[in-house]
C-alpha atoms as a PDB file:
ATOM      1  CA  ALA A   1      92.043 121.078 168.938  1.00  0.00           C
ATOM      2  CA  ILE A   2      95.179 123.142 168.441  1.00  0.00           C
ATOM      3  CA  SER A   3      96.677 125.868 170.598  1.00  0.00           C
ATOM      4  CA  ILE A   4      99.743 127.903 169.711  1.00  0.00           C
ATOM      5  CA  ASP A   5      99.579 130.456 172.523  1.00  0.00           C
ATOM      6  CA  ALA A   6      98.027 130.693 175.984  1.00  0.00           C
ATOM      7  CA  GLY A   7      94.547 132.142 175.670  1.00  0.00           C
ATOM      8  CA  GLU A   8      94.230 131.181 172.003  1.00  0.00           C
ATOM      9  CA  ALA A   9      93.060 127.824 170.671  1.00  0.00           C
ATOM     10  CA  PHE A  10      91.233 126.462 167.641  1.00  0.00           C
ATOM     11  CA  TYR A  11      88.927 123.512 167.040  1.00  0.00           C
ATOM     12  CA  VAL A  12      88.835 121.744 163.674  1.00  0.00           C
ATOM     13  CA  PRO A  13      85.493 119.883 163.503  1.00  0.00           C
ATOM     14  CA  LEU A  14      85.518 116.638 161.539  1.00  0.00           C
ATOM     15  CA  ASN A  15      82.559 114.371 160.827  1.00  0.00           C
ATOM     16  CA  HIS A  16      80.059 115.795 163.320  1.00  0.00           C
ATOM     17  CA  ARG A  17      76.844 114.015 162.400  1.00  0.00           C
ATOM     18  CA  TYR A  18      73.777 115.577 163.977  1.00  0.00           C
ATOM     19  CA  LEU A  19      70.733 116.823 162.087  1.00  0.00           C
ATOM     20  CA  THR A  20      71.698 120.502 161.823  1.00  0.00           C
ATOM     21  CA  ALA A  21      75.473 119.987 161.583  1.00  0.00           C
ATOM     22  CA  PRO A  22      77.136 122.515 159.234  1.00  0.00           C
ATOM     23  CA  LYS A  23      79.407 121.585 156.350  1.00  0.00           C
ATOM     24  CA  GLN A  24      82.843 120.679 157.653  1.00  0.00           C
ATOM     25  CA  LEU A  25      86.351 120.284 156.315  1.00  0.00           C
ATOM     26  CA  THR A  26      87.211 116.919 154.828  1.00  0.00           C
ATOM     27  CA  LEU A  27      90.053 114.852 156.191  1.00  0.00           C
ATOM     28  CA  ASP A  28      91.831 115.272 152.851  1.00  0.00           C
ATOM     29  CA  VAL A  29      91.894 119.060 153.326  1.00  0.00           C
ATOM     30  CA  VAL A  30      93.166 118.703 156.880  1.00  0.00           C
ATOM     31  CA  ARG A  31      95.910 116.351 155.692  1.00  0.00           C
ATOM     32  CA  GLU A  32      96.948 118.844 153.035  1.00  0.00           C
ATOM     33  CA  VAL A  33      97.066 121.842 155.378  1.00  0.00           C
ATOM     34  CA  LEU A  34      98.090 120.392 158.741  1.00  0.00           C
ATOM     35  CA  GLY A  35      99.951 117.310 157.550  1.00  0.00           C
ATOM     36  CA  PRO A  36     103.259 119.086 156.786  1.00  0.00           C
ATOM     37  CA  VAL A  37     103.133 120.926 160.125  1.00  0.00           C
ATOM     38  CA  LEU A  38     102.492 117.776 162.138  1.00  0.00           C
ATOM     39  CA  ALA A  39     105.243 115.896 160.295  1.00  0.00           C
ATOM     40  CA  ASP A  40     107.794 118.706 160.684  1.00  0.00           C
ATOM     41  CA  ARG A  41     110.173 117.612 163.445  1.00  0.00           C
ATOM     42  CA  SER A  42     111.479 121.173 163.890  1.00  0.00           C
ATOM     43  CA  ILE A  43     108.067 122.351 165.135  1.00  0.00           C
ATOM     44  CA  ARG A  44     107.590 121.406 168.790  1.00  0.00           C
ATOM     45  CA  LYS A  45     104.539 119.261 169.545  1.00  0.00           C
ATOM     46  CA  LEU A  46     103.003 119.322 173.009  1.00  0.00           C
ATOM     47  CA  GLY A  47     100.148 117.166 174.236  1.00  0.00           C
ATOM     48  CA  HIS A  48      98.635 114.991 176.923  1.00  0.00           C
ATOM     49  CA  ASP A  49      99.152 111.272 176.251  1.00  0.00           C
ATOM     50  CA  LEU A  50     100.948 112.038 173.001  1.00  0.00           C
ATOM     51  CA  LYS A  51     101.506 108.365 172.196  1.00  0.00           C
ATOM     52  CA  THR A  52      97.789 107.772 171.804  1.00  0.00           C
ATOM     53  CA  THR A  53      97.469 110.965 169.753  1.00  0.00           C
ATOM     54  CA  GLN A  54     100.297 109.876 167.456  1.00  0.00           C
ATOM     55  CA  VAL A  55      98.737 106.448 166.880  1.00  0.00           C
ATOM     56  CA  VAL A  56      95.262 107.846 166.141  1.00  0.00           C
ATOM     57  CA  LEU A  57      96.517 110.548 163.770  1.00  0.00           C
ATOM     58  CA  GLU A  58      98.845 108.195 161.901  1.00  0.00           C
ATOM     59  CA  HIS A  59      95.953 105.778 161.377  1.00  0.00           C
ATOM     60  CA  HIS A  60      94.309 108.666 159.506  1.00  0.00           C
ATOM     61  CA  GLY A  61      97.363 109.511 157.407  1.00  0.00           C
ATOM     62  CA  LEU A  62      98.749 112.245 159.670  1.00  0.00           C
ATOM     63  CA  PRO A  63     102.138 111.197 161.086  1.00  0.00           C
ATOM     64  CA  VAL A  64     103.392 113.329 163.981  1.00  0.00           C
ATOM     65  CA  ALA A  65     107.043 114.199 164.620  1.00  0.00           C
ATOM     66  CA  GLY A  66     108.736 116.553 167.059  1.00  0.00           C
ATOM     67  CA  ALA A  67     107.190 115.494 170.376  1.00  0.00           C
ATOM     68  CA  SER A  68     108.733 117.810 172.982  1.00  0.00           C
ATOM     69  CA  PHE A  69     106.345 117.790 175.942  1.00  0.00           C
ATOM     70  CA  ASP A  70     103.734 115.396 177.322  1.00  0.00           C
ATOM     71  CA  SER A  71     101.885 116.650 180.393  1.00  0.00           C
ATOM     72  CA  MET A  72     100.767 113.121 181.321  1.00  0.00           C
ATOM     73  CA  LEU A  73     104.359 111.839 181.395  1.00  0.00           C
ATOM     74  CA  ALA A  74     105.609 114.934 183.215  1.00  0.00           C
ATOM     75  CA  CYS A  75     102.889 114.640 185.839  1.00  0.00           C
ATOM     76  CA  TYR A  76     103.746 110.982 186.376  1.00  0.00           C
ATOM     77  CA  LEU A  77     107.460 111.673 186.791  1.00  0.00           C
ATOM     78  CA  LEU A  78     106.708 114.405 189.336  1.00  0.00           C
ATOM     79  CA  ASP A  79     104.427 112.138 191.386  1.00  0.00           C
ATOM     80  CA  PRO A  80     103.903 108.521 190.242  1.00  0.00           C
ATOM     81  CA  GLU A  81     101.038 108.059 192.707  1.00  0.00           C
ATOM     82  CA  ALA A  82      99.070 111.182 191.734  1.00  0.00           C
ATOM     83  CA  THR A  83      96.344 111.333 189.111  1.00  0.00           C
ATOM     84  CA  THR A  84      97.301 112.085 185.514  1.00  0.00           C
ATOM     85  CA  LYS A  85      93.707 112.841 184.440  1.00  0.00           C
ATOM     86  CA  LEU A  86      93.929 116.058 182.457  1.00  0.00           C
ATOM     87  CA  GLY A  87      90.872 117.726 183.940  1.00  0.00           C
ATOM     88  CA  LEU A  88      92.087 117.274 187.498  1.00  0.00           C
ATOM     89  CA  ILE A  89      95.620 118.514 186.854  1.00  0.00           C
ATOM     90  CA  ALA A  90      94.240 121.418 184.786  1.00  0.00           C
ATOM     91  CA  GLU A  91      92.242 122.625 187.788  1.00  0.00           C
ATOM     92  CA  ARG A  92      95.017 121.893 190.265  1.00  0.00           C
ATOM     93  CA  ASP A  93      98.119 123.087 188.418  1.00  0.00           C
ATOM     94  CA  ALA A  94      96.853 125.473 185.718  1.00  0.00           C
ATOM     95  CA  ARG A  95      93.969 127.001 187.704  1.00  0.00           C
ATOM     96  CA  MET A  96      91.589 126.350 184.813  1.00  0.00           C
ATOM     97  CA  ARG A  97      87.897 125.684 185.194  1.00  0.00           C
ATOM     98  CA  TRP A  98      87.222 122.316 183.608  1.00  0.00           C
ATOM     99  CA  THR A  99      84.213 120.560 182.109  1.00  0.00           C
ATOM    100  CA  ASP A 100      84.385 116.789 181.812  1.00  0.00           C
ATOM    101  CA  PHE A 101      82.925 115.108 178.744  1.00  0.00           C
ATOM    102  CA  GLU A 102      80.289 113.430 180.903  1.00  0.00           C
ATOM    103  CA  LYS A 103      78.890 116.863 181.745  1.00  0.00           C
ATOM    104  CA  LEU A 104      79.052 117.967 178.120  1.00  0.00           C
ATOM    105  CA  ALA A 105      77.041 115.024 176.783  1.00  0.00           C
ATOM    106  CA  PRO A 106      73.397 114.667 177.893  1.00  0.00           C
ATOM    107  CA  PRO A 107      72.752 111.405 179.734  1.00  0.00           C
ATOM    108  CA  ARG A 108      70.923 108.587 178.007  1.00  0.00           C
ATOM    109  CA  ARG A 109      68.594 106.016 179.434  1.00  0.00           C
ATOM    110  CA  LYS A 110      70.050 102.784 180.758  1.00  0.00           C
ATOM    111  CA  GLY A 111      71.104 100.349 178.065  1.00  0.00           C
ATOM    112  CA  VAL A 112      71.557 103.004 175.355  1.00  0.00           C
ATOM    113  CA  PRO A 113      75.169 103.648 174.266  1.00  0.00           C
ATOM    114  CA  LYS A 114      76.695 106.871 175.542  1.00  0.00           C
ATOM    115  CA  HIS A 115      77.075 109.859 173.243  1.00  0.00           C
ATOM    116  CA  THR A 116      80.238 110.173 171.186  1.00  0.00           C
ATOM    117  CA  ILE A 117      81.779 113.571 170.525  1.00  0.00           C
ATOM    118  CA  ASP A 118      80.735 113.629 166.860  1.00  0.00           C
ATOM    119  CA  GLU A 119      77.062 113.535 167.930  1.00  0.00           C
ATOM    120  CA  LEU A 120      77.352 116.783 169.895  1.00  0.00           C
ATOM    121  CA  GLU A 121      76.949 120.313 168.563  1.00  0.00           C
ATOM    122  CA  ILE A 122      80.158 121.947 167.401  1.00  0.00           C
ATOM    123  CA  GLU A 123      79.388 125.093 169.404  1.00  0.00           C
ATOM    124  CA  HIS A 124      79.454 123.025 172.601  1.00  0.00           C
ATOM    125  CA  VAL A 125      82.418 120.865 171.675  1.00  0.00           C
ATOM    126  CA  ALA A 126      84.728 123.683 170.530  1.00  0.00           C
ATOM    127  CA  PRO A 127      85.452 125.295 173.948  1.00  0.00           C
ATOM    128  CA  PHE A 128      85.685 121.846 175.541  1.00  0.00           C
ATOM    129  CA  ALA A 129      88.237 120.699 172.931  1.00  0.00           C
ATOM    130  CA  CYS A 130      90.177 123.972 172.882  1.00  0.00           C
ATOM    131  CA  ALA A 131      90.724 123.754 176.637  1.00  0.00           C
ATOM    132  CA  HIS A 132      92.556 120.467 176.057  1.00  0.00           C
ATOM    133  CA  GLY A 133      94.976 122.210 173.723  1.00  0.00           C
ATOM    134  CA  GLU A 134      95.549 125.316 175.795  1.00  0.00           C
ATOM    135  CA  VAL A 135      96.092 123.652 179.160  1.00  0.00           C
ATOM    136  CA  VAL A 136      99.101 121.716 177.863  1.00  0.00           C
ATOM    137  CA  LEU A 137     100.782 124.983 176.876  1.00  0.00           C
ATOM    138  CA  ARG A 138     100.137 126.334 180.374  1.00  0.00           C
ATOM    139  CA  LEU A 139     101.606 123.234 181.991  1.00  0.00           C
ATOM    140  CA  ASP A 140     104.720 123.073 179.775  1.00  0.00           C
ATOM    141  CA  GLU A 141     106.898 125.675 181.500  1.00  0.00           C
ATOM    142  CA  ARG A 142     105.502 124.942 184.960  1.00  0.00           C
ATOM    143  CA  TYR A 143     106.179 121.222 184.811  1.00  0.00           C
ATOM    144  CA  ARG A 144     109.554 121.642 183.120  1.00  0.00           C
ATOM    145  CA  ASP A 145     110.706 123.884 185.969  1.00  0.00           C
ATOM    146  CA  GLN A 146     109.565 121.292 188.504  1.00  0.00           C
ATOM    147  CA  LEU A 147     111.208 118.436 186.594  1.00  0.00           C
ATOM    148  CA  SER A 148     114.449 120.433 186.527  1.00  0.00           C
ATOM    149  CA  GLU A 149     114.268 121.183 190.260  1.00  0.00           C
ATOM    150  CA  ARG A 150     113.872 117.472 191.028  1.00  0.00           C
ATOM    151  CA  GLY A 151     116.672 116.434 188.698  1.00  0.00           C
ATOM    152  CA  VAL A 152     114.528 114.322 186.361  1.00  0.00           C
ATOM    153  CA  LEU A 153     114.355 116.653 183.330  1.00  0.00           C
ATOM    154  CA  PRO A 154     117.105 114.697 181.503  1.00  0.00           C
ATOM    155  CA  LEU A 155     115.109 111.495 182.094  1.00  0.00           C
ATOM    156  CA  PHE A 156     112.049 113.211 180.615  1.00  0.00           C
ATOM    157  CA  ASP A 157     113.832 114.691 177.575  1.00  0.00           C
ATOM    158  CA  ASP A 158     116.345 111.951 176.801  1.00  0.00           C
ATOM    159  CA  LEU A 159     114.382 108.778 177.574  1.00  0.00           C
ATOM    160  CA  GLU A 160     110.634 109.247 178.026  1.00  0.00           C
ATOM    161  CA  LEU A 161     109.938 111.541 175.054  1.00  0.00           C
ATOM    162  CA  PRO A 162     112.055 109.625 172.482  1.00  0.00           C
ATOM    163  CA  LEU A 163     110.398 106.439 173.730  1.00  0.00           C
ATOM    164  CA  LEU A 164     107.010 107.822 172.635  1.00  0.00           C
ATOM    165  CA  ASP A 165     107.996 107.407 168.984  1.00  0.00           C
ATOM    166  CA  VAL A 166     109.207 103.861 169.609  1.00  0.00           C
ATOM    167  CA  LEU A 167     106.062 102.766 171.448  1.00  0.00           C
ATOM    168  CA  SER A 168     103.675 104.386 168.976  1.00  0.00           C
ATOM    169  CA  ARG A 169     105.551 102.723 166.089  1.00  0.00           C
ATOM    170  CA  MET A 170     105.293  99.355 167.880  1.00  0.00           C
ATOM    171  CA  GLU A 171     101.522  99.821 168.230  1.00  0.00           C
ATOM    172  CA  LEU A 172     101.146 100.753 164.576  1.00  0.00           C
ATOM    173  CA  VAL A 173     103.382  98.058 163.096  1.00  0.00           C
ATOM    174  CA  GLY A 174     102.931  95.293 165.657  1.00  0.00           C
ATOM    175  CA  VAL A 175     105.519  93.066 167.306  1.00  0.00           C
ATOM    176  CA  LEU A 176     106.145  89.378 166.585  1.00  0.00           C
ATOM    177  CA  VAL A 177     106.569  87.434 169.824  1.00  0.00           C
ATOM    178  CA  ALA A 178     106.926  83.846 171.049  1.00  0.00           C
ATOM    179  CA  PRO A 179     104.551  83.622 174.039  1.00  0.00           C
ATOM    180  CA  GLU A 180     106.033  80.616 175.873  1.00  0.00           C
ATOM    181  CA  PRO A 181     109.515  82.081 176.608  1.00  0.00           C
ATOM    182  CA  LEU A 182     107.881  85.387 177.516  1.00  0.00           C
ATOM    183  CA  ALA A 183     105.589  83.652 180.019  1.00  0.00           C
ATOM    184  CA  GLU A 184     108.610  82.013 181.680  1.00  0.00           C
ATOM    185  CA  LEU A 185     110.465  85.331 181.714  1.00  0.00           C
ATOM    186  CA  ASP A 186     107.402  87.004 183.233  1.00  0.00           C
ATOM    187  CA  LEU A 187     107.341  84.618 186.186  1.00  0.00           C
ATOM    188  CA  GLU A 188     111.073  85.063 186.741  1.00  0.00           C
ATOM    189  CA  MET A 189     110.811  88.860 186.628  1.00  0.00           C
ATOM    190  CA  VAL A 190     107.814  88.960 188.971  1.00  0.00           C
ATOM    191  CA  ARG A 191     109.807  86.991 191.553  1.00  0.00           C
ATOM    192  CA  ASP A 192     112.917  89.146 191.105  1.00  0.00           C
ATOM    193  CA  LEU A 193     110.994  92.423 191.251  1.00  0.00           C
ATOM    194  CA  ALA A 194     109.118  91.375 194.375  1.00  0.00           C
ATOM    195  CA  ASP A 195     112.453  90.609 196.054  1.00  0.00           C
ATOM    196  CA  ILE A 196     113.975  93.921 194.927  1.00  0.00           C
ATOM    197  CA  GLU A 197     110.917  95.855 196.081  1.00  0.00           C
ATOM    198  CA  GLU A 198     110.974  94.202 199.511  1.00  0.00           C
ATOM    199  CA  ARG A 199     114.677  95.005 199.969  1.00  0.00           C
ATOM    200  CA  ALA A 200     114.120  98.600 198.808  1.00  0.00           C
ATOM    201  CA  HIS A 201     111.305  99.072 201.334  1.00  0.00           C
ATOM    202  CA  GLN A 202     113.494  97.628 204.084  1.00  0.00           C
ATOM    203  CA  ALA A 203     116.353  99.965 203.142  1.00  0.00           C
ATOM    204  CA  ALA A 204     114.026 102.984 203.111  1.00  0.00           C
ATOM    205  CA  GLY A 205     112.269 101.968 206.318  1.00  0.00           C
ATOM    206  CA  ARG A 206     108.835 102.529 204.777  1.00  0.00           C
ATOM    207  CA  GLN A 207     106.519 101.490 201.960  1.00  0.00           C
ATOM    208  CA  PHE A 208     106.621 103.534 198.722  1.00  0.00           C
ATOM    209  CA  ASN A 209     105.855 103.175 195.024  1.00  0.00           C
ATOM    210  CA  LEU A 210     109.003 101.759 193.475  1.00  0.00           C
ATOM    211  CA  ALA A 211     107.759 102.645 189.973  1.00  0.00           C
END
């Protein structure tokens, strides 16, 4: 799903596989048309959980560059203890009516695997998917203003967003590690962090989420 303006979004169906499914674009065509746009760093990319999106698209030959806003990260920085589930923040912060996937897909009897999105009719999936694209545009300016007011916009722009590319690349390429030293380091850090957290709570005079 792609949205370039509030109130306007598009769904590109791929590989829907039900009995009456219409002919759809091939992934090769999508790569040819959308590939250069997604890879163009000068075109801002907004999303919710962009790291996962980057990994999935790159696995299908569609690298993404130019990440400039992630509503999941912004929501977390504004309130680390609040939900980052897109449907809930869409209703709360963008005043959008939301339909969860569980309501979109008909229930199946116990023991039968749940529906996947490619099994559902395109006509039903399109508005559901388009809402995911549009809501991020609506949240962009709102969340950026709040991040600026709380003094964490530089953290968002200069650390969190560039880190998306690093983490997605690590997932795609993999990381070679020696587990034994890491296990020792883990125990040491757990002890140190517990001590730091206890001292921070004492200094603040109350319990809070140190993350």
